[in-house]
Amino acid sequence: MPHKVKIQEIGFITHNVLQIRTQRPADYDFEPGQATEVALDKEGWREKKRPFTFTGLPDDGFLEFTIKVYPDHNGVTDMLQTLEQGDHLLLEDVWGAISYQGPGVFLAGGAGVTPFIAIFRDLAQKNQLEGNRLLFANKRERDIIMQAEFEKWLGKDFINILSDEQSSKYPHGFIDSQFLKEHITDKDAKFYLCGPPPMMKSVQKDLEALGITKDQMVAEELS
């Protein structure tokens, strides 16, 4: 049976990223990096489930989701922005293979950064951020999710690259083999991957070419 939870807060944190906080069911536990299937408690939408990552912490008194919406998709994420405080979501059980397994390099594309938000929040709370680095690919600067928080947590170890915008602040392009060579200083570290499938496939291939093994990679799925 799905868990029915009431929305406590809802609002945009960037031009296309929605943050939702809901009630937390009793005995509903997760690890930073994990996710659940979410549906809207509205007629015609209860069976249309989509995976979203928890971006709050396990000991918060609420659940938080940070979700990129796609108005042109005409689907669940588009409908989410029509919800208000007091509306309800339906949550399935917790799942997910991404969890913190030691210091390393986090590689994210767009909304793929969401599993890493809770991980970095948890590390910040424990004062264990040292030795971790985030390489974050987006189209434009305005697409960077939680930019201020990541800058505060990671400082110079928060490294961005933009594919659709020239900027004096950030390099232009993609997370490719050259970019990885420039920013990987420890080939024995862990490598955390999350992003669109084409990016995942390309980055995995480039990491393997650099001598990084699959055993060092943490992702929902590797090719």
Protein backbone atom coordinates (compact mmCIF):
# COMPACT_ATOMS: atom_id res chain seq x y z
CA MET A 1 0.00 0.00 0.00
CA PRO A 2 1.37 3.44 -0.85
CA HIS A 3 1.99 5.98 1.88
CA LYS A 4 -0.27 9.04 1.59
CA VAL A 5 1.54 12.21 2.69
CA LYS A 6 0.41 15.83 2.87
CA ILE A 7 2.46 18.57 1.24
CA GLN A 8 3.71 21.02 3.88
CA GLU A 9 5.74 23.35 1.64
CA ILE A 10 6.11 23.68 -2.14
CA GLY A 11 7.91 26.23 -4.29
CA PHE A 12 10.52 26.83 -6.97
CA ILE A 13 14.21 27.16 -6.01
CA THR A 14 15.36 27.80 -9.61
CA HIS A 15 13.47 28.67 -12.79
CA ASN A 16 12.56 25.00 -13.33
CA VAL A 17 13.33 23.15 -10.08
CA LEU A 18 10.59 22.55 -7.57
CA GLN A 19 11.22 21.72 -3.92
CA ILE A 20 8.51 19.86 -2.03
CA ARG A 21 8.40 19.02 1.69
CA THR A 22 5.84 16.55 2.96
CA GLN A 23 4.79 14.78 6.11
CA ARG A 24 6.96 11.82 6.99
CA PRO A 25 5.21 8.48 7.61
CA ALA A 26 6.10 6.62 10.78
CA ASP A 27 8.93 4.09 10.34
CA TYR A 28 9.68 5.38 6.84
CA ASP A 29 13.48 5.23 6.72
CA PHE A 30 16.01 5.87 3.96
CA GLU A 31 19.73 6.41 3.44
CA PRO A 32 21.13 9.57 1.79
CA GLY A 33 21.11 8.91 -1.96
CA GLN A 34 18.02 6.70 -2.00
CA ALA A 35 14.69 7.33 -3.74
CA THR A 36 11.07 6.28 -3.99
CA GLU A 37 8.28 6.16 -6.56
CA VAL A 38 5.91 9.13 -6.26
CA ALA A 39 2.39 9.62 -7.62
CA LEU A 40 -0.14 12.43 -7.30
CA ASP A 41 -3.19 11.67 -5.17
CA LYS A 42 -5.54 12.91 -7.89
CA GLU A 43 -8.01 11.20 -10.19
CA GLY A 44 -6.23 9.80 -13.23
CA TRP A 45 -2.75 10.24 -11.73
CA ARG A 46 -2.52 7.71 -8.90
CA GLU A 47 -0.98 5.00 -11.09
CA LYS A 48 1.48 7.32 -12.86
CA LYS A 49 4.50 6.85 -10.62
CA ARG A 50 7.87 8.52 -11.12
CA PRO A 51 11.16 8.01 -9.25
CA PHE A 52 12.35 10.92 -7.13
CA THR A 53 15.26 11.13 -4.71
CA PHE A 54 15.01 12.22 -1.09
CA THR A 55 17.05 15.41 -0.72
CA GLY A 56 16.47 15.92 3.00
CA LEU A 57 18.20 13.96 5.75
CA PRO A 58 17.09 10.70 7.37
CA ASP A 59 16.59 12.37 10.76
CA ASP A 60 14.53 15.30 9.44
CA GLY A 61 10.95 15.40 10.64
CA PHE A 62 9.76 15.74 7.05
CA LEU A 63 10.52 14.37 3.58
CA GLU A 64 12.00 16.63 0.91
CA PHE A 65 12.14 16.21 -2.86
CA THR A 66 13.99 18.50 -5.28
CA ILE A 67 12.49 17.97 -8.73
CA LYS A 68 13.24 19.38 -12.15
CA VAL A 69 9.98 20.03 -14.01
CA TYR A 70 9.53 19.63 -17.74
CA PRO A 71 6.46 21.62 -18.89
CA ASP A 72 6.80 20.32 -22.45
CA HIS A 73 6.51 16.69 -21.29
CA ASN A 74 2.88 17.10 -20.16
CA GLY A 75 3.34 14.47 -17.46
CA VAL A 76 3.84 13.97 -13.73
CA THR A 77 6.59 16.56 -13.28
CA ASP A 78 4.51 19.15 -15.14
CA MET A 79 1.49 18.36 -12.93
CA LEU A 80 3.57 18.70 -9.76
CA GLN A 81 3.80 22.46 -10.22
CA THR A 82 0.01 22.70 -10.02
CA LEU A 83 0.00 21.27 -6.48
CA GLU A 84 -0.39 23.37 -3.35
CA GLN A 85 0.22 23.09 0.36
CA GLY A 86 -2.31 20.62 1.74
CA ASP A 87 -2.44 18.43 -1.39
CA HIS A 88 -1.27 14.83 -1.09
CA LEU A 89 1.34 12.59 -2.71
CA LEU A 90 1.48 8.80 -2.74
CA LEU A 91 4.88 7.27 -1.92
CA GLU A 92 6.03 3.71 -2.50
CA ASP A 93 8.76 1.92 -0.56
CA VAL A 94 12.34 3.19 -0.48
CA TRP A 95 14.90 1.91 -3.01
CA GLY A 96 18.22 2.91 -4.55
CA ALA A 97 21.81 1.72 -4.90
CA ILE A 98 23.54 5.08 -4.50
CA SER A 99 25.05 5.55 -1.05
CA TYR A 100 28.20 7.13 0.33
CA GLN A 101 31.08 4.66 0.30
CA GLY A 102 33.99 6.93 1.06
CA PRO A 103 35.70 10.06 -0.29
CA GLY A 104 35.61 10.48 -4.03
CA VAL A 105 34.51 12.30 -7.14
CA PHE A 106 30.80 12.90 -7.74
CA LEU A 107 29.83 13.29 -11.40
CA ALA A 108 26.36 14.68 -12.10
CA GLY A 109 24.39 15.93 -15.07
CA GLY A 110 21.41 18.23 -14.48
CA ALA A 111 18.79 16.68 -12.20
CA GLY A 112 21.17 13.74 -11.72
CA VAL A 113 22.69 15.73 -8.86
CA THR A 114 19.67 15.06 -6.62
CA PRO A 115 20.95 11.83 -4.99
CA PHE A 116 24.10 13.72 -4.06
CA ILE A 117 22.25 16.55 -2.27
CA ALA A 118 21.34 14.42 0.75
CA ILE A 119 24.78 12.79 0.74
CA PHE A 120 26.56 16.15 0.89
CA ARG A 121 24.09 17.49 3.47
CA ASP A 122 24.83 14.45 5.62
CA LEU A 123 28.60 14.83 5.19
CA ALA A 124 28.37 18.54 6.06
CA GLN A 125 26.45 17.73 9.23
CA LYS A 126 29.11 15.17 10.18
CA ASN A 127 31.99 17.48 9.18
CA GLN A 128 33.22 14.86 6.68
CA LEU A 129 33.21 16.81 3.40
CA GLU A 130 36.99 16.77 3.01
CA GLY A 131 38.28 14.65 0.15
CA ASN A 132 35.09 14.91 -1.91
CA ARG A 133 34.62 16.77 -5.19
CA LEU A 134 31.57 17.43 -7.38
CA LEU A 135 31.83 17.77 -11.16
CA PHE A 136 28.48 19.14 -12.31
CA ALA A 137 27.36 19.49 -15.94
CA ASN A 138 24.48 21.77 -16.93
CA LYS A 139 23.28 23.63 -20.02
CA ARG A 140 23.34 27.13 -18.47
CA GLU A 141 24.37 28.70 -15.18
CA ARG A 142 20.75 29.29 -14.20
CA ASP A 143 20.21 25.51 -14.38
CA ILE A 144 22.69 24.79 -11.55
CA ILE A 145 20.64 23.28 -8.73
CA MET A 146 21.48 24.50 -5.21
CA GLN A 147 24.51 26.41 -6.43
CA ALA A 148 24.97 28.44 -3.23
CA GLU A 149 24.76 25.37 -1.00
CA PHE A 150 27.30 23.39 -3.02
CA GLU A 151 29.68 26.38 -3.06
CA LYS A 152 29.39 26.63 0.72
CA TRP A 153 29.93 22.90 1.24
CA LEU A 154 32.69 22.27 -1.28
CA GLY A 155 34.35 25.56 -2.19
CA LYS A 156 36.94 24.98 -4.92
CA ASP A 157 35.90 21.31 -5.09
CA PHE A 158 32.56 22.31 -6.65
CA ILE A 159 33.41 22.35 -10.36
CA ASN A 160 30.87 23.23 -13.03
CA ILE A 161 30.81 22.96 -16.81
CA LEU A 162 28.18 24.42 -19.14
CA SER A 163 27.27 23.03 -22.56
CA ASP A 164 24.94 25.72 -23.97
CA GLU A 165 26.37 28.93 -22.51
CA GLN A 166 29.71 30.69 -22.72
CA SER A 167 30.73 32.03 -19.31
CA SER A 168 33.79 33.69 -17.85
CA LYS A 169 33.15 31.76 -14.63
CA TYR A 170 32.86 28.21 -15.97
CA PRO A 171 34.37 26.08 -18.73
CA HIS A 172 32.27 25.29 -21.79
CA GLY A 173 31.56 21.74 -22.94
CA PHE A 174 30.81 18.36 -21.39
CA ILE A 175 32.27 16.02 -18.79
CA ASP A 176 34.55 14.29 -21.27
CA SER A 177 37.91 12.52 -21.03
CA GLN A 178 39.92 15.77 -21.06
CA PHE A 179 37.77 17.34 -18.35
CA LEU A 180 38.10 14.20 -16.23
CA LYS A 181 41.89 14.15 -16.63
CA GLU A 182 42.05 17.76 -15.45
CA HIS A 183 39.97 17.21 -12.34
CA ILE A 184 40.73 13.68 -11.14
CA THR A 185 43.65 13.78 -8.73
CA ASP A 186 43.21 10.36 -7.11
CA LYS A 187 42.50 7.37 -9.33
CA ASP A 188 41.99 5.14 -6.29
CA ALA A 189 38.98 7.15 -5.08
CA LYS A 190 35.31 6.26 -5.38
CA PHE A 191 33.41 7.67 -8.37
CA TYR A 192 29.72 8.45 -7.96
CA LEU A 193 27.73 8.81 -11.19
CA CYS A 194 24.22 10.08 -11.87
CA GLY A 195 22.84 11.77 -14.97
CA PRO A 196 21.08 11.20 -18.29
CA PRO A 197 21.77 7.74 -19.83
CA PRO A 198 23.96 9.02 -22.72
CA MET A 199 26.14 10.94 -20.25
CA MET A 200 26.37 7.95 -17.91
CA LYS A 201 27.51 5.68 -20.72
CA SER A 202 30.06 8.19 -21.99
CA VAL A 203 31.49 9.04 -18.55
CA GLN A 204 31.76 5.38 -17.57
CA LYS A 205 33.67 4.65 -20.78
CA ASP A 206 36.01 7.61 -20.20
CA LEU A 207 36.63 6.61 -16.57
CA GLU A 208 37.46 3.05 -17.59
CA ALA A 209 39.90 4.41 -20.20
CA LEU A 210 41.63 6.25 -17.34
CA GLY A 211 42.02 3.00 -15.42
CA ILE A 212 39.05 3.41 -13.06
CA THR A 213 37.36 0.05 -12.41
CA LYS A 214 33.65 -0.67 -12.14
CA ASP A 215 34.24 -1.63 -8.50
CA GLN A 216 35.17 2.01 -7.82
CA MET A 217 31.97 3.33 -9.40
CA VAL A 218 28.73 3.91 -7.50
CA ALA A 219 25.59 4.32 -9.64
CA GLU A 220 22.05 3.02 -9.97
CA GLU A 221 23.15 1.11 -13.05
CA LEU A 222 26.34 0.69 -15.04
CA SER A 223 26.62 -0.51 -18.62
